Amino acid sequence: MTVELYNKNMDTTFTLDQLSALTDLPLRTIRYYIQLGLVERHEGDRKHARYNQRHLDQLLQVRAMADQGMPLERIKHQMQGTTPPLPPPRTAGDISVISKVFIAPGVELHLEPQAAGLPPEKLRQFVRAVLNQWENLHDPE
Protein backbone atom coordinates (compact mmCIF):
# COMPACT_ATOMS: atom_id res chain seq x y z
CA MET A 1 0.00 0.00 0.00
CA THR A 2 1.53 3.30 -1.05
CA VAL A 3 -0.13 6.57 -0.26
CA GLU A 4 1.23 9.40 -2.34
CA LEU A 5 0.97 12.68 -0.50
CA TYR A 6 3.74 14.07 -2.66
CA ASN A 7 4.96 13.02 -6.04
CA LYS A 8 7.37 10.11 -6.17
CA ASN A 9 10.31 12.48 -6.54
CA MET A 10 12.79 11.05 -4.06
CA ASP A 11 14.36 14.52 -3.78
CA THR A 12 11.44 15.62 -1.60
CA THR A 13 12.63 15.38 1.97
CA PHE A 14 10.93 15.65 5.33
CA THR A 15 11.96 16.29 8.89
CA LEU A 16 10.91 13.87 11.60
CA ASP A 17 8.29 16.39 12.72
CA GLN A 18 6.86 16.52 9.20
CA LEU A 19 6.73 12.72 9.00
CA SER A 20 4.91 12.69 12.31
CA ALA A 21 2.33 15.17 11.01
CA LEU A 22 1.88 13.33 7.69
CA THR A 23 1.43 9.90 9.29
CA ASP A 24 -0.30 10.99 12.49
CA LEU A 25 2.26 8.98 14.45
CA PRO A 26 4.09 10.27 17.52
CA LEU A 27 7.81 11.01 17.11
CA ARG A 28 8.58 8.32 19.67
CA THR A 29 6.68 5.69 17.66
CA ILE A 30 8.51 6.61 14.45
CA ARG A 31 11.86 6.33 16.23
CA TYR A 32 10.79 2.97 17.65
CA TYR A 33 9.80 1.67 14.20
CA ILE A 34 13.19 2.76 12.87
CA GLN A 35 14.94 1.09 15.82
CA LEU A 36 13.05 -2.18 15.12
CA GLY A 37 14.00 -2.04 11.44
CA LEU A 38 10.42 -1.57 10.23
CA VAL A 39 11.45 1.70 8.58
CA GLU A 40 14.86 2.44 7.09
CA ARG A 41 17.21 4.75 8.97
CA HIS A 42 17.62 8.34 7.82
CA GLU A 43 20.57 9.51 5.81
CA GLY A 44 22.99 12.03 7.17
CA ASP A 45 23.82 12.94 10.74
CA ARG A 46 21.21 12.70 13.47
CA LYS A 47 20.97 16.42 14.10
CA HIS A 48 20.03 17.20 10.50
CA ALA A 49 18.21 13.97 9.67
CA ARG A 50 16.06 14.08 6.55
CA TYR A 51 13.61 11.49 5.33
CA ASN A 52 12.22 10.92 1.84
CA GLN A 53 9.09 9.52 0.17
CA ARG A 54 10.32 5.95 0.73
CA HIS A 55 10.38 6.55 4.50
CA LEU A 56 6.89 8.06 4.36
CA ASP A 57 5.58 5.08 2.37
CA GLN A 58 7.13 2.62 4.82
CA LEU A 59 5.59 4.39 7.81
CA LEU A 60 2.17 4.43 6.17
CA GLN A 61 2.45 0.70 5.39
CA VAL A 62 3.48 -0.13 8.95
CA ARG A 63 0.70 2.01 10.36
CA ALA A 64 -1.94 0.38 8.13
CA MET A 65 -0.88 -3.12 9.18
CA ALA A 66 -0.61 -2.16 12.86
CA ASP A 67 -4.07 -0.56 12.71
CA GLN A 68 -5.40 -3.92 11.51
CA GLY A 69 -3.92 -5.57 14.61
CA MET A 70 -0.90 -7.20 13.01
CA PRO A 71 1.94 -7.77 15.52
CA LEU A 72 5.10 -5.73 14.88
CA GLU A 73 7.25 -8.85 14.45
CA ARG A 74 4.95 -10.07 11.69
CA ILE A 75 4.93 -6.59 10.09
CA LYS A 76 8.73 -6.66 10.05
CA HIS A 77 8.76 -9.97 8.19
CA GLN A 78 6.11 -8.70 5.77
CA MET A 79 8.06 -5.49 5.09
CA GLN A 80 11.30 -7.43 4.55
CA GLY A 81 9.62 -10.14 2.48
CA THR A 82 10.88 -12.87 4.80
CA THR A 83 9.13 -15.80 6.41
CA PRO A 84 8.75 -15.66 10.18
CA PRO A 85 10.55 -18.45 12.01
CA LEU A 86 8.49 -21.40 13.09
CA PRO A 87 7.63 -21.44 16.77
CA PRO A 88 9.78 -23.81 18.79
CA PRO A 89 8.28 -27.25 19.31
CA ARG A 90 6.32 -27.69 22.49
CA THR A 91 7.90 -29.57 25.31
CA ALA A 92 6.55 -31.07 28.49
CA GLY A 93 5.76 -28.33 31.00
CA ASP A 94 5.06 -25.60 28.43
CA ILE A 95 2.13 -23.41 29.37
CA SER A 96 -0.28 -21.88 26.90
CA VAL A 97 -3.48 -19.92 27.30
CA ILE A 98 -6.43 -21.38 25.45
CA SER A 99 -9.61 -19.45 24.78
CA LYS A 100 -12.69 -21.66 24.78
CA VAL A 101 -15.74 -20.20 23.04
CA PHE A 102 -19.16 -21.79 23.40
CA ILE A 103 -20.91 -21.84 20.02
CA ALA A 104 -23.85 -24.17 20.65
CA PRO A 105 -24.55 -27.35 22.60
CA GLY A 106 -21.81 -29.78 21.58
CA VAL A 107 -19.87 -27.14 19.65
CA GLU A 108 -16.95 -25.27 21.17
CA LEU A 109 -14.10 -23.39 19.59
CA HIS A 110 -10.69 -23.75 21.23
CA LEU A 111 -8.12 -21.10 20.28
CA GLU A 112 -4.62 -20.19 21.25
CA PRO A 113 -4.76 -16.49 20.29
CA GLN A 114 -1.08 -15.73 20.85
CA ALA A 115 0.10 -18.66 18.73
CA ALA A 116 -2.44 -17.70 16.05
CA GLY A 117 -1.21 -14.08 16.11
CA LEU A 118 -4.67 -12.78 16.99
CA PRO A 119 -4.72 -9.60 19.05
CA PRO A 120 -7.90 -9.11 21.14
CA GLU A 121 -9.85 -7.14 18.52
CA LYS A 122 -9.02 -9.62 15.74
CA LEU A 123 -9.97 -12.49 18.06
CA ARG A 124 -13.37 -10.86 18.69
CA GLN A 125 -13.88 -10.36 14.94
CA PHE A 126 -13.00 -14.00 14.28
CA VAL A 127 -15.38 -15.29 16.96
CA ARG A 128 -18.19 -13.04 15.64
CA ALA A 129 -17.59 -14.41 12.13
CA VAL A 130 -17.73 -18.01 13.40
CA LEU A 131 -20.94 -17.30 15.34
CA ASN A 132 -22.51 -15.63 12.29
CA GLN A 133 -21.56 -18.58 10.09
CA TRP A 134 -23.02 -21.03 12.63
CA GLU A 135 -26.27 -19.05 12.72
CA ASN A 136 -26.40 -19.01 8.89
CA LEU A 137 -25.96 -22.79 8.79
CA HIS A 138 -28.71 -23.38 11.31
CA ASP A 139 -31.15 -20.67 10.32
CA PRO A 140 -34.44 -22.22 9.16
CA GLU A 141 -35.39 -20.67 5.86
C-alpha atoms as a PDB file:
ATOM      1  CA  MET A   1       0.000   0.000   0.000  1.00  0.00           C
ATOM      2  CA  THR A   2       1.532   3.303  -1.046  1.00  0.00           C
ATOM      3  CA  VAL A   3      -0.134   6.574  -0.255  1.00  0.00           C
ATOM      4  CA  GLU A   4       1.228   9.398  -2.343  1.00  0.00           C
ATOM      5  CA  LEU A   5       0.969  12.681  -0.503  1.00  0.00           C
ATOM      6  CA  TYR A   6       3.738  14.071  -2.658  1.00  0.00           C
ATOM      7  CA  ASN A   7       4.961  13.017  -6.037  1.00  0.00           C
ATOM      8  CA  LYS A   8       7.369  10.110  -6.170  1.00  0.00           C
ATOM      9  CA  ASN A   9      10.308  12.485  -6.543  1.00  0.00           C
ATOM     10  CA  MET A  10      12.789  11.046  -4.061  1.00  0.00           C
ATOM     11  CA  ASP A  11      14.356  14.520  -3.785  1.00  0.00           C
ATOM     12  CA  THR A  12      11.445  15.616  -1.600  1.00  0.00           C
ATOM     13  CA  THR A  13      12.628  15.384   1.974  1.00  0.00           C
ATOM     14  CA  PHE A  14      10.926  15.646   5.326  1.00  0.00           C
ATOM     15  CA  THR A  15      11.959  16.289   8.885  1.00  0.00           C
ATOM     16  CA  LEU A  16      10.914  13.868  11.599  1.00  0.00           C
ATOM     17  CA  ASP A  17       8.289  16.386  12.717  1.00  0.00           C
ATOM     18  CA  GLN A  18       6.863  16.519   9.195  1.00  0.00           C
ATOM     19  CA  LEU A  19       6.729  12.715   9.003  1.00  0.00           C
ATOM     20  CA  SER A  20       4.911  12.686  12.309  1.00  0.00           C
ATOM     21  CA  ALA A  21       2.332  15.175  11.012  1.00  0.00           C
ATOM     22  CA  LEU A  22       1.878  13.334   7.688  1.00  0.00           C
ATOM     23  CA  THR A  23       1.435   9.900   9.291  1.00  0.00           C
ATOM     24  CA  ASP A  24      -0.298  10.992  12.491  1.00  0.00           C
ATOM     25  CA  LEU A  25       2.262   8.977  14.451  1.00  0.00           C
ATOM     26  CA  PRO A  26       4.090  10.274  17.519  1.00  0.00           C
ATOM     27  CA  LEU A  27       7.808  11.005  17.109  1.00  0.00           C
ATOM     28  CA  ARG A  28       8.582   8.324  19.669  1.00  0.00           C
ATOM     29  CA  THR A  29       6.676   5.694  17.658  1.00  0.00           C
ATOM     30  CA  ILE A  30       8.507   6.609  14.449  1.00  0.00           C
ATOM     31  CA  ARG A  31      11.864   6.333  16.231  1.00  0.00           C
ATOM     32  CA  TYR A  32      10.792   2.970  17.653  1.00  0.00           C
ATOM     33  CA  TYR A  33       9.796   1.674  14.205  1.00  0.00           C
ATOM     34  CA  ILE A  34      13.192   2.759  12.872  1.00  0.00           C
ATOM     35  CA  GLN A  35      14.939   1.085  15.816  1.00  0.00           C
ATOM     36  CA  LEU A  36      13.049  -2.175  15.117  1.00  0.00           C
ATOM     37  CA  GLY A  37      14.002  -2.039  11.437  1.00  0.00           C
ATOM     38  CA  LEU A  38      10.420  -1.574  10.230  1.00  0.00           C
ATOM     39  CA  VAL A  39      11.450   1.699   8.584  1.00  0.00           C
ATOM     40  CA  GLU A  40      14.861   2.443   7.090  1.00  0.00           C
ATOM     41  CA  ARG A  41      17.211   4.753   8.965  1.00  0.00           C
ATOM     42  CA  HIS A  42      17.617   8.337   7.822  1.00  0.00           C
ATOM     43  CA  GLU A  43      20.566   9.511   5.807  1.00  0.00           C
ATOM     44  CA  GLY A  44      22.985  12.028   7.171  1.00  0.00           C
ATOM     45  CA  ASP A  45      23.815  12.945  10.741  1.00  0.00           C
ATOM     46  CA  ARG A  46      21.212  12.696  13.470  1.00  0.00           C
ATOM     47  CA  LYS A  47      20.973  16.420  14.100  1.00  0.00           C
ATOM     48  CA  HIS A  48      20.028  17.203  10.499  1.00  0.00           C
ATOM     49  CA  ALA A  49      18.210  13.967   9.672  1.00  0.00           C
ATOM     50  CA  ARG A  50      16.064  14.084   6.550  1.00  0.00           C
ATOM     51  CA  TYR A  51      13.610  11.488   5.328  1.00  0.00           C
ATOM     52  CA  ASN A  52      12.218  10.921   1.836  1.00  0.00           C
ATOM     53  CA  GLN A  53       9.090   9.522   0.168  1.00  0.00           C
ATOM     54  CA  ARG A  54      10.323   5.953   0.725  1.00  0.00           C
ATOM     55  CA  HIS A  55      10.378   6.546   4.505  1.00  0.00           C
ATOM     56  CA  LEU A  56       6.885   8.057   4.362  1.00  0.00           C
ATOM     57  CA  ASP A  57       5.576   5.083   2.372  1.00  0.00           C
ATOM     58  CA  GLN A  58       7.134   2.621   4.819  1.00  0.00           C
ATOM     59  CA  LEU A  59       5.593   4.393   7.807  1.00  0.00           C
ATOM     60  CA  LEU A  60       2.173   4.430   6.173  1.00  0.00           C
ATOM     61  CA  GLN A  61       2.447   0.700   5.394  1.00  0.00           C
ATOM     62  CA  VAL A  62       3.477  -0.132   8.955  1.00  0.00           C
ATOM     63  CA  ARG A  63       0.697   2.013  10.356  1.00  0.00           C
ATOM     64  CA  ALA A  64      -1.945   0.383   8.133  1.00  0.00           C
ATOM     65  CA  MET A  65      -0.879  -3.118   9.184  1.00  0.00           C
ATOM     66  CA  ALA A  66      -0.607  -2.159  12.861  1.00  0.00           C
ATOM     67  CA  ASP A  67      -4.067  -0.561  12.712  1.00  0.00           C
ATOM     68  CA  GLN A  68      -5.396  -3.924  11.506  1.00  0.00           C
ATOM     69  CA  GLY A  69      -3.924  -5.567  14.609  1.00  0.00           C
ATOM     70  CA  MET A  70      -0.904  -7.205  13.009  1.00  0.00           C
ATOM     71  CA  PRO A  71       1.937  -7.773  15.518  1.00  0.00           C
ATOM     72  CA  LEU A  72       5.097  -5.734  14.878  1.00  0.00           C
ATOM     73  CA  GLU A  73       7.252  -8.853  14.448  1.00  0.00           C
ATOM     74  CA  ARG A  74       4.953 -10.066  11.686  1.00  0.00           C
ATOM     75  CA  ILE A  75       4.934  -6.591  10.094  1.00  0.00           C
ATOM     76  CA  LYS A  76       8.728  -6.658  10.049  1.00  0.00           C
ATOM     77  CA  HIS A  77       8.759  -9.966   8.188  1.00  0.00           C
ATOM     78  CA  GLN A  78       6.105  -8.695   5.773  1.00  0.00           C
ATOM     79  CA  MET A  79       8.063  -5.488   5.090  1.00  0.00           C
ATOM     80  CA  GLN A  80      11.297  -7.435   4.547  1.00  0.00           C
ATOM     81  CA  GLY A  81       9.620 -10.136   2.485  1.00  0.00           C
ATOM     82  CA  THR A  82      10.875 -12.871   4.801  1.00  0.00           C
ATOM     83  CA  THR A  83       9.131 -15.796   6.411  1.00  0.00           C
ATOM     84  CA  PRO A  84       8.754 -15.657  10.176  1.00  0.00           C
ATOM     85  CA  PRO A  85      10.553 -18.447  12.006  1.00  0.00           C
ATOM     86  CA  LEU A  86       8.492 -21.405  13.093  1.00  0.00           C
ATOM     87  CA  PRO A  87       7.633 -21.443  16.768  1.00  0.00           C
ATOM     88  CA  PRO A  88       9.783 -23.810  18.786  1.00  0.00           C
ATOM     89  CA  PRO A  89       8.276 -27.254  19.305  1.00  0.00           C
ATOM     90  CA  ARG A  90       6.319 -27.692  22.490  1.00  0.00           C
ATOM     91  CA  THR A  91       7.904 -29.569  25.306  1.00  0.00           C
ATOM     92  CA  ALA A  92       6.549 -31.066  28.495  1.00  0.00           C
ATOM     93  CA  GLY A  93       5.761 -28.333  31.003  1.00  0.00           C
ATOM     94  CA  ASP A  94       5.063 -25.604  28.432  1.00  0.00           C
ATOM     95  CA  ILE A  95       2.133 -23.412  29.372  1.00  0.00           C
ATOM     96  CA  SER A  96      -0.279 -21.879  26.901  1.00  0.00           C
ATOM     97  CA  VAL A  97      -3.480 -19.923  27.297  1.00  0.00           C
ATOM     98  CA  ILE A  98      -6.426 -21.384  25.451  1.00  0.00           C
ATOM     99  CA  SER A  99      -9.615 -19.449  24.784  1.00  0.00           C
ATOM    100  CA  LYS A 100     -12.689 -21.665  24.776  1.00  0.00           C
ATOM    101  CA  VAL A 101     -15.737 -20.202  23.039  1.00  0.00           C
ATOM    102  CA  PHE A 102     -19.163 -21.792  23.404  1.00  0.00           C
ATOM    103  CA  ILE A 103     -20.906 -21.843  20.015  1.00  0.00           C
ATOM    104  CA  ALA A 104     -23.853 -24.166  20.645  1.00  0.00           C
ATOM    105  CA  PRO A 105     -24.549 -27.349  22.599  1.00  0.00           C
ATOM    106  CA  GLY A 106     -21.814 -29.777  21.578  1.00  0.00           C
ATOM    107  CA  VAL A 107     -19.866 -27.138  19.655  1.00  0.00           C
ATOM    108  CA  GLU A 108     -16.946 -25.265  21.169  1.00  0.00           C
ATOM    109  CA  LEU A 109     -14.103 -23.385  19.594  1.00  0.00           C
ATOM    110  CA  HIS A 110     -10.690 -23.749  21.226  1.00  0.00           C
ATOM    111  CA  LEU A 111      -8.117 -21.104  20.275  1.00  0.00           C
ATOM    112  CA  GLU A 112      -4.618 -20.191  21.252  1.00  0.00           C
ATOM    113  CA  PRO A 113      -4.761 -16.493  20.286  1.00  0.00           C
ATOM    114  CA  GLN A 114      -1.081 -15.733  20.851  1.00  0.00           C
ATOM    115  CA  ALA A 115       0.100 -18.658  18.728  1.00  0.00           C
ATOM    116  CA  ALA A 116      -2.437 -17.697  16.053  1.00  0.00           C
ATOM    117  CA  GLY A 117      -1.214 -14.082  16.109  1.00  0.00           C
ATOM    118  CA  LEU A 118      -4.669 -12.777  16.989  1.00  0.00           C
ATOM    119  CA  PRO A 119      -4.723  -9.599  19.054  1.00  0.00           C
ATOM    120  CA  PRO A 120      -7.898  -9.109  21.142  1.00  0.00           C
ATOM    121  CA  GLU A 121      -9.855  -7.136  18.521  1.00  0.00           C
ATOM    122  CA  LYS A 122      -9.025  -9.615  15.744  1.00  0.00           C
ATOM    123  CA  LEU A 123      -9.969 -12.486  18.056  1.00  0.00           C
ATOM    124  CA  ARG A 124     -13.368 -10.864  18.686  1.00  0.00           C
ATOM    125  CA  GLN A 125     -13.884 -10.363  14.942  1.00  0.00           C
ATOM    126  CA  PHE A 126     -12.995 -13.999  14.277  1.00  0.00           C
ATOM    127  CA  VAL A 127     -15.383 -15.291  16.958  1.00  0.00           C
ATOM    128  CA  ARG A 128     -18.185 -13.043  15.641  1.00  0.00           C
ATOM    129  CA  ALA A 129     -17.594 -14.412  12.130  1.00  0.00           C
ATOM    130  CA  VAL A 130     -17.734 -18.015  13.398  1.00  0.00           C
ATOM    131  CA  LEU A 131     -20.939 -17.305  15.338  1.00  0.00           C
ATOM    132  CA  ASN A 132     -22.510 -15.631  12.287  1.00  0.00           C
ATOM    133  CA  GLN A 133     -21.555 -18.578  10.095  1.00  0.00           C
ATOM    134  CA  TRP A 134     -23.022 -21.028  12.628  1.00  0.00           C
ATOM    135  CA  GLU A 135     -26.267 -19.048  12.716  1.00  0.00           C
ATOM    136  CA  ASN A 136     -26.401 -19.008   8.895  1.00  0.00           C
ATOM    137  CA  LEU A 137     -25.957 -22.793   8.789  1.00  0.00           C
ATOM    138  CA  HIS A 138     -28.707 -23.383  11.306  1.00  0.00           C
ATOM    139  CA  ASP A 139     -31.146 -20.672  10.322  1.00  0.00           C
ATOM    140  CA  PRO A 140     -34.443 -22.216   9.165  1.00  0.00           C
ATOM    141  CA  GLU A 141     -35.391 -20.667   5.856  1.00  0.00           C
END
